[in-house]
Amino acid sequence: MATANEEQADYWGKSASGAKWLTFEDQLDTLLSPVLELILDRADLAPGMNVLDIGCGTGASTVAAARKVGPQGDALGADISRPFLERARERAVVEGISNASFRYADAQVTPFDPDARDAAISRFGVMFFEDPVAAFANIAKGLRGNGRMTFAAWGPLSDNPWFRIPHIAATSHLGHPPKHGKFAPGPLAFHDIDHVTGMMIEAGLADVTADPVPLLLPGLATVESTATLCTRVGPAARVLSHFDGTEKDARIIQKTVATAFADFKTSSGVEVPAVINLFQARVPAKT
């Protein structure tokens, strides 16, 4: 299968850092549940629709979409990580979802069945393309005319302490890895709304809209466990990996993060503020 994003395929499918998303799957799904709810609400999925889920990961979003469209519809989850897809298939079986399927695909270049889907969704699966314009255009080919795309991406670093605080803690302790371009493939590549909407328009999409949506992400039971999670995945984990950080380094970073995260402790638990960029567009009518 053609792959344009070899680096991302290696990271998510082969590296120890990517594998941590399997280890912490349940905790991450809980943390990101408000984001998935936002996507499903804005996508306006209806019974009988056929949905394409880009960067489906371990399948939470695909299974949720399959439930929304019911047995007369179906959801196809596409991802560049074979281990994630294996877990996604297991999840669908365990949860009794028969109208969800999964495919190994680089959504930038993999040809999807043309005009086969009514909608495309993504929970943080679209920020890793080497060429986002080509990716949006390719995904559009798989949608019917007037089909809708609904994608969620992280907003600016300054508005997302889930990333900002661990990043500062890790780089203050270990140093800064080499910098990449601010729009380079990665979790924060779509932080600039104008930049992304411009690429969507360039890809030929219509009625492009974007909203920065403030959310509260539910942390784990304690500040300490929440700090541990965001040190094991995300920017802190990448810094630790780059500098071959030790377990002692990880504990030092976790302690710093936990101190800062104490501000997010509420009577109902840990709630981490976030800003999510919610992008939507329509595929023009096809003749």
C-alpha atoms as a PDB file:
ATOM      1  CA  MET A   1       0.000   0.000   0.000  1.00  0.00           C
ATOM      2  CA  ALA A   2       1.270   3.469  -0.845  1.00  0.00           C
ATOM      3  CA  THR A   3       2.390   5.467   2.194  1.00  0.00           C
ATOM      4  CA  ALA A   4       3.387   9.127   2.087  1.00  0.00           C
ATOM      5  CA  ASN A   5       3.844   9.478   5.833  1.00  0.00           C
ATOM      6  CA  GLU A   6       6.532   6.900   6.619  1.00  0.00           C
ATOM      7  CA  GLU A   7       7.766   8.718   9.711  1.00  0.00           C
ATOM      8  CA  GLN A   8       4.279   8.773  11.234  1.00  0.00           C
ATOM      9  CA  ALA A   9       3.681   5.144  10.271  1.00  0.00           C
ATOM     10  CA  ASP A  10       6.877   4.158  12.070  1.00  0.00           C
ATOM     11  CA  TYR A  11       6.069   6.250  15.132  1.00  0.00           C
ATOM     12  CA  TRP A  12       2.478   5.060  15.627  1.00  0.00           C
ATOM     13  CA  GLY A  13       2.975   1.515  14.422  1.00  0.00           C
ATOM     14  CA  LYS A  14       6.456   0.502  15.546  1.00  0.00           C
ATOM     15  CA  SER A  15       7.920   2.791  18.212  1.00  0.00           C
ATOM     16  CA  ALA A  16       7.736   2.294  21.974  1.00  0.00           C
ATOM     17  CA  SER A  17       6.355   5.835  22.305  1.00  0.00           C
ATOM     18  CA  GLY A  18       3.483   5.109  19.935  1.00  0.00           C
ATOM     19  CA  ALA A  19       2.748   1.823  21.725  1.00  0.00           C
ATOM     20  CA  LYS A  20       2.070   3.725  24.955  1.00  0.00           C
ATOM     21  CA  TRP A  21      -1.242   4.814  23.455  1.00  0.00           C
ATOM     22  CA  LEU A  22      -2.269   1.162  23.721  1.00  0.00           C
ATOM     23  CA  THR A  23      -1.028   0.918  27.296  1.00  0.00           C
ATOM     24  CA  PHE A  24      -2.991   3.980  28.372  1.00  0.00           C
ATOM     25  CA  GLU A  25      -5.943   3.514  26.023  1.00  0.00           C
ATOM     26  CA  ASP A  26      -8.691   3.579  28.662  1.00  0.00           C
ATOM     27  CA  GLN A  27      -7.332   6.649  30.430  1.00  0.00           C
ATOM     28  CA  LEU A  28      -6.883   8.543  27.167  1.00  0.00           C
ATOM     29  CA  ASP A  29     -10.379   7.665  25.974  1.00  0.00           C
ATOM     30  CA  THR A  30     -11.769   9.038  29.241  1.00  0.00           C
ATOM     31  CA  LEU A  31      -9.697  12.198  28.974  1.00  0.00           C
ATOM     32  CA  LEU A  32     -10.745  12.806  25.371  1.00  0.00           C
ATOM     33  CA  SER A  33     -14.415  11.859  25.777  1.00  0.00           C
ATOM     34  CA  PRO A  34     -15.620  15.505  25.617  1.00  0.00           C
ATOM     35  CA  VAL A  35     -13.798  15.890  22.289  1.00  0.00           C
ATOM     36  CA  LEU A  36     -15.504  12.835  20.831  1.00  0.00           C
ATOM     37  CA  GLU A  37     -18.871  14.095  22.068  1.00  0.00           C
ATOM     38  CA  LEU A  38     -18.195  17.438  20.375  1.00  0.00           C
ATOM     39  CA  ILE A  39     -17.389  15.764  17.056  1.00  0.00           C
ATOM     40  CA  LEU A  40     -20.429  13.510  17.103  1.00  0.00           C
ATOM     41  CA  ASP A  41     -22.693  16.418  18.028  1.00  0.00           C
ATOM     42  CA  ARG A  42     -21.392  18.671  15.237  1.00  0.00           C
ATOM     43  CA  ALA A  43     -21.225  15.891  12.621  1.00  0.00           C
ATOM     44  CA  ASP A  44     -24.981  15.366  12.963  1.00  0.00           C
ATOM     45  CA  LEU A  45     -24.763  11.681  12.079  1.00  0.00           C
ATOM     46  CA  ALA A  46     -28.079   9.994  11.378  1.00  0.00           C
ATOM     47  CA  PRO A  47     -29.276   6.380  11.108  1.00  0.00           C
ATOM     48  CA  GLY A  48     -28.335   4.786   7.806  1.00  0.00           C
ATOM     49  CA  MET A  49     -25.324   6.992   7.081  1.00  0.00           C
ATOM     50  CA  ASN A  50     -21.951   5.602   5.999  1.00  0.00           C
ATOM     51  CA  VAL A  51     -19.069   7.225   7.889  1.00  0.00           C
ATOM     52  CA  LEU A  52     -15.296   7.344   7.365  1.00  0.00           C
ATOM     53  CA  ASP A  53     -13.241   7.834  10.548  1.00  0.00           C
ATOM     54  CA  ILE A  54      -9.761   9.195   9.789  1.00  0.00           C
ATOM     55  CA  GLY A  55      -6.969   8.259  12.196  1.00  0.00           C
ATOM     56  CA  CYS A  56      -9.327   6.061  14.197  1.00  0.00           C
ATOM     57  CA  GLY A  57      -6.666   4.886  16.633  1.00  0.00           C
ATOM     58  CA  THR A  58      -7.928   2.077  18.832  1.00  0.00           C
ATOM     59  CA  GLY A  59     -11.489   2.500  17.626  1.00  0.00           C
ATOM     60  CA  ALA A  60     -13.397   4.522  20.217  1.00  0.00           C
ATOM     61  CA  SER A  61     -14.559   7.091  17.656  1.00  0.00           C
ATOM     62  CA  THR A  62     -15.439   4.478  15.018  1.00  0.00           C
ATOM     63  CA  VAL A  63     -17.501   2.431  17.461  1.00  0.00           C
ATOM     64  CA  ALA A  64     -19.296   5.563  18.666  1.00  0.00           C
ATOM     65  CA  ALA A  65     -20.066   6.582  15.071  1.00  0.00           C
ATOM     66  CA  ALA A  66     -21.308   3.079  14.275  1.00  0.00           C
ATOM     67  CA  ARG A  67     -23.738   3.322  17.175  1.00  0.00           C
ATOM     68  CA  LYS A  68     -24.965   6.685  15.904  1.00  0.00           C
ATOM     69  CA  VAL A  69     -25.725   5.452  12.377  1.00  0.00           C
ATOM     70  CA  GLY A  70     -27.250   2.178  13.531  1.00  0.00           C
ATOM     71  CA  PRO A  71     -27.393  -1.192  11.786  1.00  0.00           C
ATOM     72  CA  GLN A  72     -28.611   0.340   8.522  1.00  0.00           C
ATOM     73  CA  GLY A  73     -25.412   2.409   8.359  1.00  0.00           C
ATOM     74  CA  ASP A  74     -21.751   1.633   8.905  1.00  0.00           C
ATOM     75  CA  ALA A  75     -18.489   3.180  10.016  1.00  0.00           C
ATOM     76  CA  LEU A  76     -15.062   2.531   8.506  1.00  0.00           C
ATOM     77  CA  GLY A  77     -12.061   3.352  10.678  1.00  0.00           C
ATOM     78  CA  ALA A  78      -8.802   4.103   8.867  1.00  0.00           C
ATOM     79  CA  ASP A  79      -5.421   4.319  10.556  1.00  0.00           C
ATOM     80  CA  ILE A  80      -1.720   4.077   9.798  1.00  0.00           C
ATOM     81  CA  SER A  81      -0.972   1.876  12.835  1.00  0.00           C
ATOM     82  CA  ARG A  82      -1.567  -1.859  12.522  1.00  0.00           C
ATOM     83  CA  PRO A  83      -1.409  -2.424  16.308  1.00  0.00           C
ATOM     84  CA  PHE A  84      -4.080   0.225  16.827  1.00  0.00           C
ATOM     85  CA  LEU A  85      -6.303  -1.378  14.193  1.00  0.00           C
ATOM     86  CA  GLU A  86      -5.927  -4.808  15.778  1.00  0.00           C
ATOM     87  CA  ARG A  87      -7.095  -3.378  19.086  1.00  0.00           C
ATOM     88  CA  ALA A  88      -9.933  -1.503  17.355  1.00  0.00           C
ATOM     89  CA  ARG A  89     -11.231  -4.730  15.812  1.00  0.00           C
ATOM     90  CA  GLU A  90     -11.116  -6.415  19.225  1.00  0.00           C
ATOM     91  CA  ARG A  91     -13.008  -3.501  20.759  1.00  0.00           C
ATOM     92  CA  ALA A  92     -15.787  -3.689  18.188  1.00  0.00           C
ATOM     93  CA  VAL A  93     -16.236  -7.425  18.826  1.00  0.00           C
ATOM     94  CA  VAL A  94     -16.238  -7.028  22.607  1.00  0.00           C
ATOM     95  CA  GLU A  95     -18.773  -4.193  22.410  1.00  0.00           C
ATOM     96  CA  GLY A  96     -21.001  -6.120  20.006  1.00  0.00           C
ATOM     97  CA  ILE A  97     -20.638  -3.642  17.143  1.00  0.00           C
ATOM     98  CA  SER A  98     -21.134  -5.402  13.815  1.00  0.00           C
ATOM     99  CA  ASN A  99     -21.409  -2.340  11.564  1.00  0.00           C
ATOM    100  CA  ALA A 100     -17.852  -1.094  12.134  1.00  0.00           C
ATOM    101  CA  SER A 101     -14.862  -2.156  10.046  1.00  0.00           C
ATOM    102  CA  PHE A 102     -11.227  -1.092  10.009  1.00  0.00           C
ATOM    103  CA  ARG A 103      -8.625  -0.574   7.310  1.00  0.00           C
ATOM    104  CA  TYR A 104      -4.913   0.061   7.278  1.00  0.00           C
ATOM    105  CA  ALA A 105      -4.608   3.255   5.269  1.00  0.00           C
ATOM    106  CA  ASP A 106      -2.569   6.402   4.847  1.00  0.00           C
ATOM    107  CA  ALA A 107      -5.472   8.776   4.275  1.00  0.00           C
ATOM    108  CA  GLN A 108      -3.233  11.143   2.320  1.00  0.00           C
ATOM    109  CA  VAL A 109      -2.731   8.692  -0.544  1.00  0.00           C
ATOM    110  CA  THR A 110      -4.833   5.536  -0.038  1.00  0.00           C
ATOM    111  CA  PRO A 111      -7.664   5.447  -2.576  1.00  0.00           C
ATOM    112  CA  PHE A 112     -10.950   5.022  -0.724  1.00  0.00           C
ATOM    113  CA  ASP A 113     -13.992   3.703  -2.556  1.00  0.00           C
ATOM    114  CA  PRO A 114     -15.192   6.740  -4.512  1.00  0.00           C
ATOM    115  CA  ASP A 115     -18.417   8.482  -3.508  1.00  0.00           C
ATOM    116  CA  ALA A 116     -19.085   5.794  -0.883  1.00  0.00           C
ATOM    117  CA  ARG A 117     -19.399   7.776   2.335  1.00  0.00           C
ATOM    118  CA  ASP A 118     -21.816  10.405   3.619  1.00  0.00           C
ATOM    119  CA  ALA A 119     -19.477  11.879   6.216  1.00  0.00           C
ATOM    120  CA  ALA A 120     -15.903  11.873   7.467  1.00  0.00           C
ATOM    121  CA  ILE A 121     -14.917  12.473  11.075  1.00  0.00           C
ATOM    122  CA  SER A 122     -11.651  12.578  12.972  1.00  0.00           C
ATOM    123  CA  ARG A 123     -10.670  12.907  16.618  1.00  0.00           C
ATOM    124  CA  PHE A 124      -7.085  14.174  16.406  1.00  0.00           C
ATOM    125  CA  GLY A 125      -6.255  12.085  13.340  1.00  0.00           C
ATOM    126  CA  VAL A 126      -5.655  14.779  10.725  1.00  0.00           C
ATOM    127  CA  MET A 127      -2.682  16.721  12.119  1.00  0.00           C
ATOM    128  CA  PHE A 128      -0.029  14.262  11.005  1.00  0.00           C
ATOM    129  CA  PHE A 129      -0.178  14.509   7.206  1.00  0.00           C
ATOM    130  CA  GLU A 130       2.940  15.517   5.304  1.00  0.00           C
ATOM    131  CA  ASP A 131       0.669  17.245   2.766  1.00  0.00           C
ATOM    132  CA  PRO A 132      -2.696  18.169   4.352  1.00  0.00           C
ATOM    133  CA  VAL A 133      -4.075  19.658   1.122  1.00  0.00           C
ATOM    134  CA  ALA A 134      -3.519  16.369  -0.697  1.00  0.00           C
ATOM    135  CA  ALA A 135      -4.997  14.482   2.249  1.00  0.00           C
ATOM    136  CA  PHE A 136      -8.180  16.569   2.355  1.00  0.00           C
ATOM    137  CA  ALA A 137      -8.612  16.197  -1.403  1.00  0.00           C
ATOM    138  CA  ASN A 138      -8.089  12.436  -1.187  1.00  0.00           C
ATOM    139  CA  ILE A 139     -10.593  12.028   1.645  1.00  0.00           C
ATOM    140  CA  ALA A 140     -13.102  14.101  -0.328  1.00  0.00           C
ATOM    141  CA  LYS A 141     -12.947  11.593  -3.190  1.00  0.00           C
ATOM    142  CA  GLY A 142     -14.351   8.976  -0.845  1.00  0.00           C
ATOM    143  CA  LEU A 143     -17.348  11.131   0.099  1.00  0.00           C
ATOM    144  CA  ARG A 144     -20.522  11.636  -1.857  1.00  0.00           C
ATOM    145  CA  GLY A 145     -21.348  15.078  -3.159  1.00  0.00           C
ATOM    146  CA  ASN A 146     -22.381  17.361  -0.275  1.00  0.00           C
ATOM    147  CA  GLY A 147     -20.822  14.919   2.194  1.00  0.00           C
ATOM    148  CA  ARG A 148     -19.587  16.570   5.376  1.00  0.00           C
ATOM    149  CA  MET A 149     -16.204  16.517   7.091  1.00  0.00           C
ATOM    150  CA  THR A 150     -15.921  17.159  10.833  1.00  0.00           C
ATOM    151  CA  PHE A 151     -12.443  17.153  12.361  1.00  0.00           C
ATOM    152  CA  ALA A 152     -11.125  18.039  15.815  1.00  0.00           C
ATOM    153  CA  ALA A 153      -7.563  19.253  16.413  1.00  0.00           C
ATOM    154  CA  TRP A 154      -5.733  20.810  19.323  1.00  0.00           C
ATOM    155  CA  GLY A 155      -5.771  24.590  19.509  1.00  0.00           C
ATOM    156  CA  PRO A 156      -2.700  26.709  20.406  1.00  0.00           C
ATOM    157  CA  LEU A 157      -0.166  25.468  22.929  1.00  0.00           C
ATOM    158  CA  SER A 158      -0.881  28.491  25.149  1.00  0.00           C
ATOM    159  CA  ASP A 159      -4.525  27.404  25.494  1.00  0.00           C
ATOM    160  CA  ASN A 160      -3.801  23.754  26.239  1.00  0.00           C
ATOM    161  CA  PRO A 161      -2.051  23.097  29.549  1.00  0.00           C
ATOM    162  CA  TRP A 162      -2.270  19.365  28.864  1.00  0.00           C
ATOM    163  CA  PHE A 163       0.555  19.990  26.395  1.00  0.00           C
ATOM    164  CA  ARG A 164       2.083  23.237  27.658  1.00  0.00           C
ATOM    165  CA  ILE A 165       2.813  22.245  31.245  1.00  0.00           C
ATOM    166  CA  PRO A 166       4.474  18.867  30.512  1.00  0.00           C
ATOM    167  CA  HIS A 167       6.424  20.459  27.650  1.00  0.00           C
ATOM    168  CA  ILE A 168       7.821  23.178  29.897  1.00  0.00           C
ATOM    169  CA  ALA A 169       8.570  20.702  32.692  1.00  0.00           C
ATOM    170  CA  ALA A 170      10.358  18.276  30.386  1.00  0.00           C
ATOM    171  CA  THR A 171      12.411  20.827  28.452  1.00  0.00           C
ATOM    172  CA  SER A 172      13.368  22.708  31.615  1.00  0.00           C
ATOM    173  CA  HIS A 173      14.752  19.468  33.027  1.00  0.00           C
ATOM    174  CA  LEU A 174      16.314  17.862  29.949  1.00  0.00           C
ATOM    175  CA  GLY A 175      16.632  20.564  27.303  1.00  0.00           C
ATOM    176  CA  HIS A 176      14.978  21.293  23.986  1.00  0.00           C
ATOM    177  CA  PRO A 177      14.963  18.775  21.117  1.00  0.00           C
ATOM    178  CA  PRO A 178      15.572  20.179  17.619  1.00  0.00           C
ATOM    179  CA  LYS A 179      12.749  22.458  16.577  1.00  0.00           C
ATOM    180  CA  HIS A 180      10.462  21.661  13.667  1.00  0.00           C
ATOM    181  CA  GLY A 181       8.319  24.074  11.685  1.00  0.00           C
ATOM    182  CA  LYS A 182       5.274  25.316  13.547  1.00  0.00           C
ATOM    183  CA  PHE A 183       3.048  23.575  10.998  1.00  0.00           C
ATOM    184  CA  ALA A 184       5.105  20.371  10.835  1.00  0.00           C
ATOM    185  CA  PRO A 185       3.118  17.124  11.264  1.00  0.00           C
ATOM    186  CA  GLY A 186       2.346  16.635  14.938  1.00  0.00           C
ATOM    187  CA  PRO A 187      -0.308  17.116  17.633  1.00  0.00           C
ATOM    188  CA  LEU A 188      -0.327  20.927  17.348  1.00  0.00           C
ATOM    189  CA  ALA A 189       0.054  21.245  13.586  1.00  0.00           C
ATOM    190  CA  PHE A 190      -3.516  22.537  13.183  1.00  0.00           C
ATOM    191  CA  HIS A 191      -3.380  25.114  15.974  1.00  0.00           C
ATOM    192  CA  ASP A 192      -3.764  28.039  13.541  1.00  0.00           C
ATOM    193  CA  ILE A 193      -7.346  28.123  12.301  1.00  0.00           C
ATOM    194  CA  ASP A 194      -6.727  30.443   9.362  1.00  0.00           C
ATOM    195  CA  HIS A 195      -3.859  28.285   8.134  1.00  0.00           C
ATOM    196  CA  VAL A 196      -5.958  25.112   8.222  1.00  0.00           C
ATOM    197  CA  THR A 197      -9.093  26.575   6.687  1.00  0.00           C
ATOM    198  CA  GLY A 198      -6.929  27.944   3.888  1.00  0.00           C
ATOM    199  CA  MET A 199      -5.642  24.435   3.170  1.00  0.00           C
ATOM    200  CA  MET A 200      -9.171  23.029   3.216  1.00  0.00           C
ATOM    201  CA  ILE A 201     -10.305  25.613   0.680  1.00  0.00           C
ATOM    202  CA  GLU A 202      -7.228  24.889  -1.454  1.00  0.00           C
ATOM    203  CA  ALA A 203      -8.227  21.212  -1.413  1.00  0.00           C
ATOM    204  CA  GLY A 204     -11.524  22.146  -3.061  1.00  0.00           C
ATOM    205  CA  LEU A 205     -13.798  21.911  -0.028  1.00  0.00           C
ATOM    206  CA  ALA A 206     -16.787  24.213   0.353  1.00  0.00           C
ATOM    207  CA  ASP A 207     -18.541  25.903   3.284  1.00  0.00           C
ATOM    208  CA  VAL A 208     -15.406  25.650   5.397  1.00  0.00           C
ATOM    209  CA  THR A 209     -15.919  26.693   9.014  1.00  0.00           C
ATOM    210  CA  ALA A 210     -13.819  26.494  12.162  1.00  0.00           C
ATOM    211  CA  ASP A 211     -14.496  27.207  15.824  1.00  0.00           C
ATOM    212  CA  PRO A 212     -12.164  27.250  18.819  1.00  0.00           C
ATOM    213  CA  VAL A 213     -14.189  25.341  21.405  1.00  0.00           C
ATOM    214  CA  PRO A 214     -13.265  25.543  25.111  1.00  0.00           C
ATOM    215  CA  LEU A 215     -13.655  22.240  26.953  1.00  0.00           C
ATOM    216  CA  LEU A 216     -12.790  20.690  30.284  1.00  0.00           C
ATOM    217  CA  LEU A 217     -10.974  17.380  29.944  1.00  0.00           C
ATOM    218  CA  PRO A 218     -11.617  14.936  32.785  1.00  0.00           C
ATOM    219  CA  GLY A 219      -8.369  13.860  34.366  1.00  0.00           C
ATOM    220  CA  LEU A 220      -7.777  10.690  36.336  1.00  0.00           C
ATOM    221  CA  ALA A 221      -8.668  10.113  39.973  1.00  0.00           C
ATOM    222  CA  THR A 222      -5.847  12.249  41.354  1.00  0.00           C
ATOM    223  CA  VAL A 223      -3.602  15.090  40.274  1.00  0.00           C
ATOM    224  CA  GLU A 224      -0.627  12.745  40.581  1.00  0.00           C
ATOM    225  CA  SER A 225      -2.099  10.048  38.314  1.00  0.00           C
ATOM    226  CA  THR A 226      -3.121  12.684  35.785  1.00  0.00           C
ATOM    227  CA  ALA A 227       0.414  14.080  35.796  1.00  0.00           C
ATOM    228  CA  THR A 228       1.799  10.581  35.289  1.00  0.00           C
ATOM    229  CA  LEU A 229      -0.406  10.025  32.236  1.00  0.00           C
ATOM    230  CA  CYS A 230       0.564  13.245  30.494  1.00  0.00           C
ATOM    231  CA  THR A 231       4.230  12.526  31.181  1.00  0.00           C
ATOM    232  CA  ARG A 232       4.038   9.069  29.602  1.00  0.00           C
ATOM    233  CA  VAL A 233       2.366  10.256  26.383  1.00  0.00           C
ATOM    234  CA  GLY A 234       2.558  13.561  24.529  1.00  0.00           C
ATOM    235  CA  PRO A 235       5.322  16.185  24.499  1.00  0.00           C
ATOM    236  CA  ALA A 236       6.999  15.157  27.743  1.00  0.00           C
ATOM    237  CA  ALA A 237       7.282  11.593  26.502  1.00  0.00           C
ATOM    238  CA  ARG A 238       8.843  12.797  23.255  1.00  0.00           C
ATOM    239  CA  VAL A 239      11.420  14.874  25.133  1.00  0.00           C
ATOM    240  CA  LEU A 240      12.218  11.941  27.423  1.00  0.00           C
ATOM    241  CA  SER A 241      12.629   9.679  24.406  1.00  0.00           C
ATOM    242  CA  HIS A 242      14.848  12.145  22.532  1.00  0.00           C
ATOM    243  CA  PHE A 243      17.241  12.566  25.466  1.00  0.00           C
ATOM    244  CA  ASP A 244      17.085   8.911  26.574  1.00  0.00           C
ATOM    245  CA  GLY A 245      15.592  10.061  29.844  1.00  0.00           C
ATOM    246  CA  THR A 246      15.604   7.703  32.807  1.00  0.00           C
ATOM    247  CA  GLU A 247      12.786   6.714  35.132  1.00  0.00           C
ATOM    248  CA  LYS A 248      14.263   9.183  37.610  1.00  0.00           C
ATOM    249  CA  ASP A 249      13.955  11.949  35.000  1.00  0.00           C
ATOM    250  CA  ALA A 250      10.334  10.958  34.378  1.00  0.00           C
ATOM    251  CA  ARG A 251       9.534  11.147  38.098  1.00  0.00           C
ATOM    252  CA  ILE A 252      11.105  14.603  38.379  1.00  0.00           C
ATOM    253  CA  ILE A 253       9.014  15.842  35.440  1.00  0.00           C
ATOM    254  CA  GLN A 254       5.873  14.224  36.840  1.00  0.00           C
ATOM    255  CA  LYS A 255       6.347  15.979  40.170  1.00  0.00           C
ATOM    256  CA  THR A 256       6.661  19.357  38.448  1.00  0.00           C
ATOM    257  CA  VAL A 257       3.561  18.676  36.365  1.00  0.00           C
ATOM    258  CA  ALA A 258       1.565  17.521  39.392  1.00  0.00           C
ATOM    259  CA  THR A 259       2.394  20.733  41.235  1.00  0.00           C
ATOM    260  CA  ALA A 260       1.080  22.807  38.316  1.00  0.00           C
ATOM    261  CA  PHE A 261      -1.953  20.565  37.781  1.00  0.00           C
ATOM    262  CA  ALA A 262      -3.059  21.148  41.364  1.00  0.00           C
ATOM    263  CA  ASP A 263      -4.751  24.280  40.031  1.00  0.00           C
ATOM    264  CA  PHE A 264      -7.135  22.037  38.066  1.00  0.00           C
ATOM    265  CA  LYS A 265      -8.416  20.073  41.048  1.00  0.00           C
ATOM    266  CA  THR A 266     -12.128  20.642  41.628  1.00  0.00           C
ATOM    267  CA  SER A 267     -14.783  19.198  43.902  1.00  0.00           C
ATOM    268  CA  SER A 268     -15.719  16.773  41.113  1.00  0.00           C
ATOM    269  CA  GLY A 269     -12.154  15.719  40.284  1.00  0.00           C
ATOM    270  CA  VAL A 270      -9.347  16.903  38.048  1.00  0.00           C
ATOM    271  CA  GLU A 271     -10.521  19.016  35.093  1.00  0.00           C
ATOM    272  CA  VAL A 272      -7.936  20.249  32.615  1.00  0.00           C
ATOM    273  CA  PRO A 273      -9.011  23.228  30.477  1.00  0.00           C
ATOM    274  CA  ALA A 274      -8.484  22.895  26.745  1.00  0.00           C
ATOM    275  CA  VAL A 275      -9.276  24.640  23.486  1.00  0.00           C
ATOM    276  CA  ILE A 276     -10.164  22.371  20.593  1.00  0.00           C
ATOM    277  CA  ASN A 277     -10.298  23.601  17.002  1.00  0.00           C
ATOM    278  CA  LEU A 278     -13.381  22.108  15.360  1.00  0.00           C
ATOM    279  CA  PHE A 279     -13.220  22.166  11.555  1.00  0.00           C
ATOM    280  CA  GLN A 280     -16.097  21.420   9.192  1.00  0.00           C
ATOM    281  CA  ALA A 281     -16.512  21.505   5.437  1.00  0.00           C
ATOM    282  CA  ARG A 282     -18.651  20.124   2.643  1.00  0.00           C
ATOM    283  CA  VAL A 283     -17.620  18.246  -0.456  1.00  0.00           C
ATOM    284  CA  PRO A 284     -19.095  20.107  -3.463  1.00  0.00           C
ATOM    285  CA  ALA A 285     -21.842  18.358  -5.408  1.00  0.00           C
ATOM    286  CA  LYS A 286     -20.387  15.910  -7.926  1.00  0.00           C
ATOM    287  CA  THR A 287     -21.565  15.513 -11.484  1.00  0.00           C
END
